[in-house]
Amino acid sequence: MKLPLLSGKQVLSTLKRLGFQEVHRKGSHVKMKHHDGRKIVFPYHNPVDRFTLKGSLNDAEVDINDFIQHIKK
């Protein structure tokens, strides 16, 4: 499934719904950590590049379909 264009704010809130917590923010990048040890770093841009977001989600072992289902419109 194709990722929609999302703002950094939408990505941040969706990851929070998936159990991630923000641990650091420097410049335009946000680092988040899950209680099971998974980590993700993504650019806080508007919009976030789909290719970059998909790579970050894959690195953090986040299922893309699960991520899409947790997006609030």
N, C-alpha and C. Protein backbone atom coordinates (compact mmCIF):
# COMPACT_ATOMS: atom_id res chain seq x y z
N MET A 1 0.84 -1.18 0.00
CA MET A 1 0.00 0.00 0.00
C MET A 1 0.89 1.24 0.00
N LYS A 2 0.46 2.26 -0.72
CA LYS A 2 1.24 3.48 -0.85
C LYS A 2 1.00 4.41 0.33
N LEU A 3 2.08 4.97 0.85
CA LEU A 3 1.97 5.92 1.96
C LEU A 3 1.39 7.24 1.46
N PRO A 4 0.49 7.85 2.21
CA PRO A 4 0.00 9.17 1.84
C PRO A 4 1.03 10.24 2.20
N LEU A 5 0.90 11.43 1.63
CA LEU A 5 1.76 12.54 2.02
C LEU A 5 1.33 13.01 3.40
N LEU A 6 2.26 13.03 4.33
CA LEU A 6 1.96 13.41 5.72
C LEU A 6 2.91 14.50 6.18
N SER A 7 2.44 15.30 7.10
CA SER A 7 3.31 16.29 7.73
C SER A 7 4.09 15.60 8.85
N GLY A 8 5.13 16.26 9.32
CA GLY A 8 5.91 15.73 10.44
C GLY A 8 5.04 15.55 11.68
N LYS A 9 4.11 16.48 11.87
CA LYS A 9 3.20 16.41 13.02
C LYS A 9 2.32 15.16 12.94
N GLN A 10 1.82 14.83 11.74
CA GLN A 10 0.98 13.64 11.58
C GLN A 10 1.79 12.36 11.81
N VAL A 11 3.02 12.33 11.33
CA VAL A 11 3.88 11.16 11.54
C VAL A 11 4.16 10.98 13.02
N LEU A 12 4.49 12.07 13.70
CA LEU A 12 4.77 12.03 15.14
C LEU A 12 3.58 11.49 15.92
N SER A 13 2.39 12.00 15.66
CA SER A 13 1.21 11.56 16.41
C SER A 13 0.85 10.11 16.09
N THR A 14 1.04 9.69 14.84
CA THR A 14 0.75 8.30 14.47
C THR A 14 1.71 7.35 15.18
N LEU A 15 2.98 7.70 15.23
CA LEU A 15 3.95 6.86 15.93
C LEU A 15 3.67 6.81 17.42
N LYS A 16 3.20 7.90 18.00
CA LYS A 16 2.81 7.88 19.42
C LYS A 16 1.66 6.92 19.65
N ARG A 17 0.71 6.88 18.72
CA ARG A 17 -0.41 5.93 18.85
C ARG A 17 0.07 4.48 18.74
N LEU A 18 1.20 4.28 18.06
CA LEU A 18 1.77 2.94 17.93
C LEU A 18 2.69 2.57 19.09
N GLY A 19 2.83 3.47 20.08
CA GLY A 19 3.59 3.15 21.27
C GLY A 19 4.98 3.75 21.34
N PHE A 20 5.35 4.59 20.39
CA PHE A 20 6.66 5.23 20.40
C PHE A 20 6.60 6.50 21.24
N GLN A 21 7.74 6.85 21.85
CA GLN A 21 7.85 8.08 22.63
C GLN A 21 9.02 8.89 22.10
N GLU A 22 8.82 10.20 22.01
CA GLU A 22 9.89 11.08 21.54
C GLU A 22 10.98 11.15 22.59
N VAL A 23 12.23 10.94 22.16
CA VAL A 23 13.35 10.99 23.10
C VAL A 23 14.31 12.13 22.79
N HIS A 24 14.32 12.62 21.54
CA HIS A 24 15.26 13.67 21.18
C HIS A 24 14.80 14.35 19.90
N ARG A 25 15.08 15.66 19.84
CA ARG A 25 14.79 16.42 18.62
C ARG A 25 15.92 17.41 18.42
N LYS A 26 16.54 17.33 17.25
CA LYS A 26 17.62 18.25 16.94
C LYS A 26 17.44 18.71 15.50
N GLY A 27 17.34 20.00 15.32
CA GLY A 27 17.10 20.51 13.97
C GLY A 27 15.75 20.04 13.48
N SER A 28 15.74 19.40 12.33
CA SER A 28 14.48 18.94 11.78
C SER A 28 14.29 17.43 11.92
N HIS A 29 15.08 16.77 12.76
CA HIS A 29 14.96 15.33 12.93
C HIS A 29 14.45 14.97 14.32
N VAL A 30 13.56 13.98 14.36
CA VAL A 30 12.98 13.51 15.60
C VAL A 30 13.39 12.06 15.82
N LYS A 31 13.86 11.75 17.03
CA LYS A 31 14.20 10.38 17.40
C LYS A 31 13.13 9.89 18.36
N MET A 32 12.62 8.69 18.10
CA MET A 32 11.60 8.10 18.97
C MET A 32 12.01 6.67 19.32
N LYS A 33 11.54 6.21 20.48
CA LYS A 33 11.88 4.87 20.94
C LYS A 33 10.61 4.18 21.41
N HIS A 34 10.53 2.89 21.14
CA HIS A 34 9.41 2.05 21.58
C HIS A 34 9.84 1.31 22.83
N HIS A 35 8.89 0.94 23.67
CA HIS A 35 9.24 0.25 24.92
C HIS A 35 9.93 -1.09 24.69
N ASP A 36 9.75 -1.68 23.48
CA ASP A 36 10.42 -2.95 23.19
C ASP A 36 11.83 -2.77 22.61
N GLY A 37 12.30 -1.51 22.54
CA GLY A 37 13.66 -1.25 22.11
C GLY A 37 13.82 -0.74 20.69
N ARG A 38 12.75 -0.79 19.87
CA ARG A 38 12.85 -0.29 18.51
C ARG A 38 13.03 1.23 18.52
N LYS A 39 13.81 1.73 17.56
CA LYS A 39 14.06 3.17 17.45
C LYS A 39 13.74 3.62 16.04
N ILE A 40 13.33 4.88 15.91
CA ILE A 40 13.07 5.45 14.59
C ILE A 40 13.51 6.91 14.60
N VAL A 41 14.08 7.32 13.48
CA VAL A 41 14.47 8.71 13.26
C VAL A 41 13.82 9.14 11.95
N PHE A 42 13.15 10.29 11.96
CA PHE A 42 12.53 10.78 10.73
C PHE A 42 12.61 12.30 10.70
N PRO A 43 12.58 12.87 9.49
CA PRO A 43 12.64 14.33 9.37
C PRO A 43 11.28 14.94 9.67
N TYR A 44 11.27 15.99 10.45
CA TYR A 44 10.04 16.69 10.81
C TYR A 44 9.80 17.78 9.78
N HIS A 45 9.41 17.37 8.57
CA HIS A 45 9.18 18.27 7.46
C HIS A 45 7.69 18.32 7.13
N ASN A 46 7.34 19.24 6.25
CA ASN A 46 5.95 19.32 5.77
C ASN A 46 5.98 19.47 4.27
N PRO A 47 5.71 18.42 3.51
CA PRO A 47 5.44 17.05 3.94
C PRO A 47 6.74 16.23 4.11
N VAL A 48 6.60 15.10 4.79
CA VAL A 48 7.71 14.16 4.94
C VAL A 48 7.78 13.35 3.64
N ASP A 49 8.97 13.22 3.07
CA ASP A 49 9.15 12.45 1.85
C ASP A 49 8.72 11.00 2.06
N ARG A 50 7.90 10.49 1.17
CA ARG A 50 7.37 9.12 1.31
C ARG A 50 8.49 8.08 1.33
N PHE A 51 9.47 8.24 0.45
CA PHE A 51 10.57 7.27 0.37
C PHE A 51 11.36 7.24 1.67
N THR A 52 11.63 8.42 2.23
CA THR A 52 12.37 8.52 3.49
C THR A 52 11.57 7.91 4.63
N LEU A 53 10.28 8.21 4.69
CA LEU A 53 9.42 7.67 5.74
C LEU A 53 9.33 6.16 5.66
N LYS A 54 9.18 5.63 4.44
CA LYS A 54 9.09 4.18 4.27
C LYS A 54 10.37 3.50 4.76
N GLY A 55 11.52 4.09 4.46
CA GLY A 55 12.80 3.54 4.93
C GLY A 55 12.91 3.57 6.44
N SER A 56 12.47 4.68 7.04
CA SER A 56 12.51 4.79 8.50
C SER A 56 11.60 3.76 9.16
N LEU A 57 10.41 3.58 8.59
CA LEU A 57 9.47 2.59 9.14
C LEU A 57 10.02 1.18 9.02
N ASN A 58 10.65 0.87 7.89
CA ASN A 58 11.24 -0.46 7.70
C ASN A 58 12.39 -0.68 8.69
N ASP A 59 13.23 0.34 8.89
CA ASP A 59 14.34 0.22 9.84
C ASP A 59 13.84 -0.04 11.26
N ALA A 60 12.69 0.55 11.61
CA ALA A 60 12.14 0.40 12.96
C ALA A 60 11.19 -0.80 13.05
N GLU A 61 11.10 -1.58 11.98
CA GLU A 61 10.24 -2.77 11.93
C GLU A 61 8.77 -2.43 12.23
N VAL A 62 8.31 -1.31 11.67
CA VAL A 62 6.91 -0.90 11.80
C VAL A 62 6.21 -1.33 10.52
N ASP A 63 5.13 -2.11 10.65
CA ASP A 63 4.37 -2.55 9.49
C ASP A 63 3.69 -1.33 8.85
N ILE A 64 3.90 -1.16 7.55
CA ILE A 64 3.37 0.01 6.85
C ILE A 64 1.85 0.03 6.87
N ASN A 65 1.22 -1.11 6.68
CA ASN A 65 -0.25 -1.16 6.72
C ASN A 65 -0.78 -0.80 8.11
N ASP A 66 -0.11 -1.26 9.15
CA ASP A 66 -0.49 -0.92 10.52
C ASP A 66 -0.33 0.59 10.75
N PHE A 67 0.76 1.15 10.24
CA PHE A 67 1.00 2.59 10.36
C PHE A 67 -0.13 3.37 9.68
N ILE A 68 -0.50 2.97 8.47
CA ILE A 68 -1.54 3.65 7.71
C ILE A 68 -2.89 3.59 8.43
N GLN A 69 -3.18 2.47 9.07
CA GLN A 69 -4.45 2.33 9.80
C GLN A 69 -4.52 3.24 11.01
N HIS A 70 -3.40 3.63 11.59
CA HIS A 70 -3.38 4.47 12.79
C HIS A 70 -3.30 5.98 12.50
N ILE A 71 -3.29 6.34 11.21
CA ILE A 71 -3.25 7.76 10.83
C ILE A 71 -4.63 8.35 11.06
N LYS A 72 -4.69 9.47 11.78
CA LYS A 72 -5.95 10.21 11.94
C LYS A 72 -6.01 11.29 10.88
N LYS A 73 -7.12 11.38 10.23
CA LYS A 73 -7.25 12.37 9.16
C LYS A 73 -7.85 13.65 9.65
